[in-house]
Amino acid sequence: MSKHPILDQGEVAISLPNRLYRGSFKRDASFEVHTDSDEVFLRLMYEGEESRIASIHLHYFLFADMLNEAAQEIAANPPIDDTHREPLLEAAGELVAALKKGRKSDRKRS
């Protein structure tokens, strides 16, 4: 797992019955992504004076459901501008290629 700079921004909010936690992660923060056989781990980190870390672990079925919902939301709304659409298309293509690489049918037989 290696740290990568955040080139845009993200926000995390956790709402509890009597408390709200909110944190912004902008260009002075970083992120990490790690996967294993069951899930994907996402981590946003700000290491400044008021350091904070937000982590989320998603099992692959939930992650797939969330990606599907994001696709449906994007399709149901006005088109995303080219500045944002192109990096999304590139990242989605890399995800598809990585997933296809792991198919048993694509592996060489011994």
C-alpha atoms as a PDB file:
ATOM      1  CA  MET A   1       0.000   0.000   0.000  1.00  0.00           C
ATOM      2  CA  SER A   2       1.561   3.300  -1.027  1.00  0.00           C
ATOM      3  CA  LYS A   3       0.396   6.841  -0.482  1.00  0.00           C
ATOM      4  CA  HIS A   4      -0.809   8.909  -3.417  1.00  0.00           C
ATOM      5  CA  PRO A   5      -1.484  12.657  -3.415  1.00  0.00           C
ATOM      6  CA  ILE A   6      -5.089  13.799  -3.629  1.00  0.00           C
ATOM      7  CA  LEU A   7      -5.379  15.944  -6.756  1.00  0.00           C
ATOM      8  CA  ASP A   8      -8.981  17.005  -6.131  1.00  0.00           C
ATOM      9  CA  GLN A   9     -10.874  16.655  -2.861  1.00  0.00           C
ATOM     10  CA  GLY A  10     -13.055  14.355  -0.798  1.00  0.00           C
ATOM     11  CA  GLU A  11     -15.160  14.651   2.324  1.00  0.00           C
ATOM     12  CA  VAL A  12     -16.174  12.113   4.907  1.00  0.00           C
ATOM     13  CA  ALA A  13     -19.106  12.506   7.289  1.00  0.00           C
ATOM     14  CA  ILE A  14     -20.260  10.117   9.995  1.00  0.00           C
ATOM     15  CA  SER A  15     -23.557  10.900  11.658  1.00  0.00           C
ATOM     16  CA  LEU A  16     -24.180   9.385  15.084  1.00  0.00           C
ATOM     17  CA  PRO A  17     -27.254  10.029  17.274  1.00  0.00           C
ATOM     18  CA  ASN A  18     -25.708  12.949  19.195  1.00  0.00           C
ATOM     19  CA  ARG A  19     -22.625  13.739  17.157  1.00  0.00           C
ATOM     20  CA  LEU A  20     -21.494  14.511  13.621  1.00  0.00           C
ATOM     21  CA  TYR A  21     -17.934  13.885  12.477  1.00  0.00           C
ATOM     22  CA  ARG A  22     -16.874  15.561   9.256  1.00  0.00           C
ATOM     23  CA  GLY A  23     -13.478  15.771   7.617  1.00  0.00           C
ATOM     24  CA  SER A  24     -12.249  17.230   4.352  1.00  0.00           C
ATOM     25  CA  PHE A  25      -9.322  15.825   2.426  1.00  0.00           C
ATOM     26  CA  LYS A  26      -7.898  18.188  -0.174  1.00  0.00           C
ATOM     27  CA  ARG A  27      -4.672  18.649  -2.116  1.00  0.00           C
ATOM     28  CA  ASP A  28      -2.561  18.627   1.056  1.00  0.00           C
ATOM     29  CA  ALA A  29      -3.803  15.103   1.888  1.00  0.00           C
ATOM     30  CA  SER A  30      -3.148  11.638   0.473  1.00  0.00           C
ATOM     31  CA  PHE A  31      -4.930   8.349  -0.108  1.00  0.00           C
ATOM     32  CA  GLU A  32      -4.183   4.637  -0.135  1.00  0.00           C
ATOM     33  CA  VAL A  33      -6.012   1.719  -1.712  1.00  0.00           C
ATOM     34  CA  HIS A  34      -5.331  -1.909  -0.872  1.00  0.00           C
ATOM     35  CA  THR A  35      -7.136  -5.093  -1.876  1.00  0.00           C
ATOM     36  CA  ASP A  36      -7.114  -8.665  -0.685  1.00  0.00           C
ATOM     37  CA  SER A  37      -9.134 -11.746  -1.586  1.00  0.00           C
ATOM     38  CA  ASP A  38     -12.352 -10.440   0.035  1.00  0.00           C
ATOM     39  CA  GLU A  39     -12.392  -6.664   0.036  1.00  0.00           C
ATOM     40  CA  VAL A  40     -11.011  -3.304  -0.948  1.00  0.00           C
ATOM     41  CA  PHE A  41      -9.564  -0.941   1.671  1.00  0.00           C
ATOM     42  CA  LEU A  42      -9.755   2.812   1.059  1.00  0.00           C
ATOM     43  CA  ARG A  43      -7.950   5.311   3.283  1.00  0.00           C
ATOM     44  CA  LEU A  44      -7.856   9.121   3.175  1.00  0.00           C
ATOM     45  CA  MET A  45      -5.118  10.767   5.260  1.00  0.00           C
ATOM     46  CA  TYR A  46      -4.316  14.298   6.325  1.00  0.00           C
ATOM     47  CA  GLU A  47      -1.089  14.539   8.277  1.00  0.00           C
ATOM     48  CA  GLY A  48      -1.107  18.245   9.139  1.00  0.00           C
ATOM     49  CA  GLU A  49      -1.599  19.934  12.494  1.00  0.00           C
ATOM     50  CA  GLU A  50      -5.088  18.457  12.912  1.00  0.00           C
ATOM     51  CA  SER A  51      -4.273  15.056  11.433  1.00  0.00           C
ATOM     52  CA  ARG A  52      -7.092  12.701  10.531  1.00  0.00           C
ATOM     53  CA  ILE A  53      -7.533   9.361   8.819  1.00  0.00           C
ATOM     54  CA  ALA A  54     -10.732   7.978   7.322  1.00  0.00           C
ATOM     55  CA  SER A  55     -10.751   4.282   6.423  1.00  0.00           C
ATOM     56  CA  ILE A  56     -13.406   2.143   4.813  1.00  0.00           C
ATOM     57  CA  HIS A  57     -13.338  -1.581   4.089  1.00  0.00           C
ATOM     58  CA  LEU A  58     -15.811  -2.784   1.471  1.00  0.00           C
ATOM     59  CA  HIS A  59     -16.425  -6.406   0.586  1.00  0.00           C
ATOM     60  CA  TYR A  60     -16.460  -6.919  -3.167  1.00  0.00           C
ATOM     61  CA  PHE A  61     -20.237  -7.489  -3.486  1.00  0.00           C
ATOM     62  CA  LEU A  62     -20.932  -4.170  -1.741  1.00  0.00           C
ATOM     63  CA  PHE A  63     -18.224  -2.454  -3.789  1.00  0.00           C
ATOM     64  CA  ALA A  64     -19.810  -3.843  -6.983  1.00  0.00           C
ATOM     65  CA  ASP A  65     -23.264  -2.668  -5.870  1.00  0.00           C
ATOM     66  CA  MET A  66     -21.889   0.815  -5.194  1.00  0.00           C
ATOM     67  CA  LEU A  67     -20.132   0.993  -8.580  1.00  0.00           C
ATOM     68  CA  ASN A  68     -23.368  -0.107 -10.266  1.00  0.00           C
ATOM     69  CA  GLU A  69     -25.378   2.553  -8.435  1.00  0.00           C
ATOM     70  CA  ALA A  70     -22.786   5.200  -9.357  1.00  0.00           C
ATOM     71  CA  ALA A  71     -23.117   4.153 -13.021  1.00  0.00           C
ATOM     72  CA  GLN A  72     -26.913   4.399 -12.862  1.00  0.00           C
ATOM     73  CA  GLU A  73     -26.740   7.840 -11.217  1.00  0.00           C
ATOM     74  CA  ILE A  74     -24.273   9.109 -13.810  1.00  0.00           C
ATOM     75  CA  ALA A  75     -26.475   7.773 -16.628  1.00  0.00           C
ATOM     76  CA  ALA A  76     -29.598   9.408 -15.157  1.00  0.00           C
ATOM     77  CA  ASN A  77     -28.056  12.880 -14.902  1.00  0.00           C
ATOM     78  CA  PRO A  78     -26.675  15.379 -17.405  1.00  0.00           C
ATOM     79  CA  PRO A  79     -23.331  14.291 -18.902  1.00  0.00           C
ATOM     80  CA  ILE A  80     -20.200  14.851 -16.853  1.00  0.00           C
ATOM     81  CA  ASP A  81     -17.849  17.428 -18.373  1.00  0.00           C
ATOM     82  CA  ASP A  82     -14.828  16.188 -20.331  1.00  0.00           C
ATOM     83  CA  THR A  83     -12.365  17.304 -17.644  1.00  0.00           C
ATOM     84  CA  HIS A  84     -13.900  14.846 -15.178  1.00  0.00           C
ATOM     85  CA  ARG A  85     -15.206  12.209 -17.613  1.00  0.00           C
ATOM     86  CA  GLU A  86     -11.857  11.341 -19.233  1.00  0.00           C
ATOM     87  CA  PRO A  87     -10.045  10.337 -16.001  1.00  0.00           C
ATOM     88  CA  LEU A  88     -13.121   8.322 -14.960  1.00  0.00           C
ATOM     89  CA  LEU A  89     -13.147   6.478 -18.287  1.00  0.00           C
ATOM     90  CA  GLU A  90      -9.432   5.731 -17.996  1.00  0.00           C
ATOM     91  CA  ALA A  91      -9.762   4.460 -14.412  1.00  0.00           C
ATOM     92  CA  ALA A  92     -12.827   2.355 -15.293  1.00  0.00           C
ATOM     93  CA  GLY A  93     -10.918   0.815 -18.193  1.00  0.00           C
ATOM     94  CA  GLU A  94      -7.992  -0.048 -15.918  1.00  0.00           C
ATOM     95  CA  LEU A  95     -10.402  -1.660 -13.424  1.00  0.00           C
ATOM     96  CA  VAL A  96     -12.010  -3.741 -16.204  1.00  0.00           C
ATOM     97  CA  ALA A  97      -8.577  -4.837 -17.478  1.00  0.00           C
ATOM     98  CA  ALA A  98      -7.453  -5.806 -13.959  1.00  0.00           C
ATOM     99  CA  LEU A  99     -10.638  -7.795 -13.341  1.00  0.00           C
ATOM    100  CA  LYS A 100     -10.381  -9.616 -16.685  1.00  0.00           C
ATOM    101  CA  LYS A 101      -6.757 -10.501 -15.950  1.00  0.00           C
ATOM    102  CA  GLY A 102      -7.886 -12.420 -12.883  1.00  0.00           C
ATOM    103  CA  ARG A 103     -10.427 -14.629 -14.683  1.00  0.00           C
ATOM    104  CA  LYS A 104      -9.736 -18.328 -14.381  1.00  0.00           C
ATOM    105  CA  SER A 105     -10.687 -18.829 -18.033  1.00  0.00           C
ATOM    106  CA  ASP A 106      -7.954 -16.356 -19.041  1.00  0.00           C
ATOM    107  CA  ARG A 107      -5.218 -18.185 -17.148  1.00  0.00           C
ATOM    108  CA  LYS A 108      -2.955 -20.659 -18.920  1.00  0.00           C
ATOM    109  CA  ARG A 109      -3.637 -24.279 -18.148  1.00  0.00           C
ATOM    110  CA  SER A 110      -0.833 -26.504 -16.947  1.00  0.00           C
END
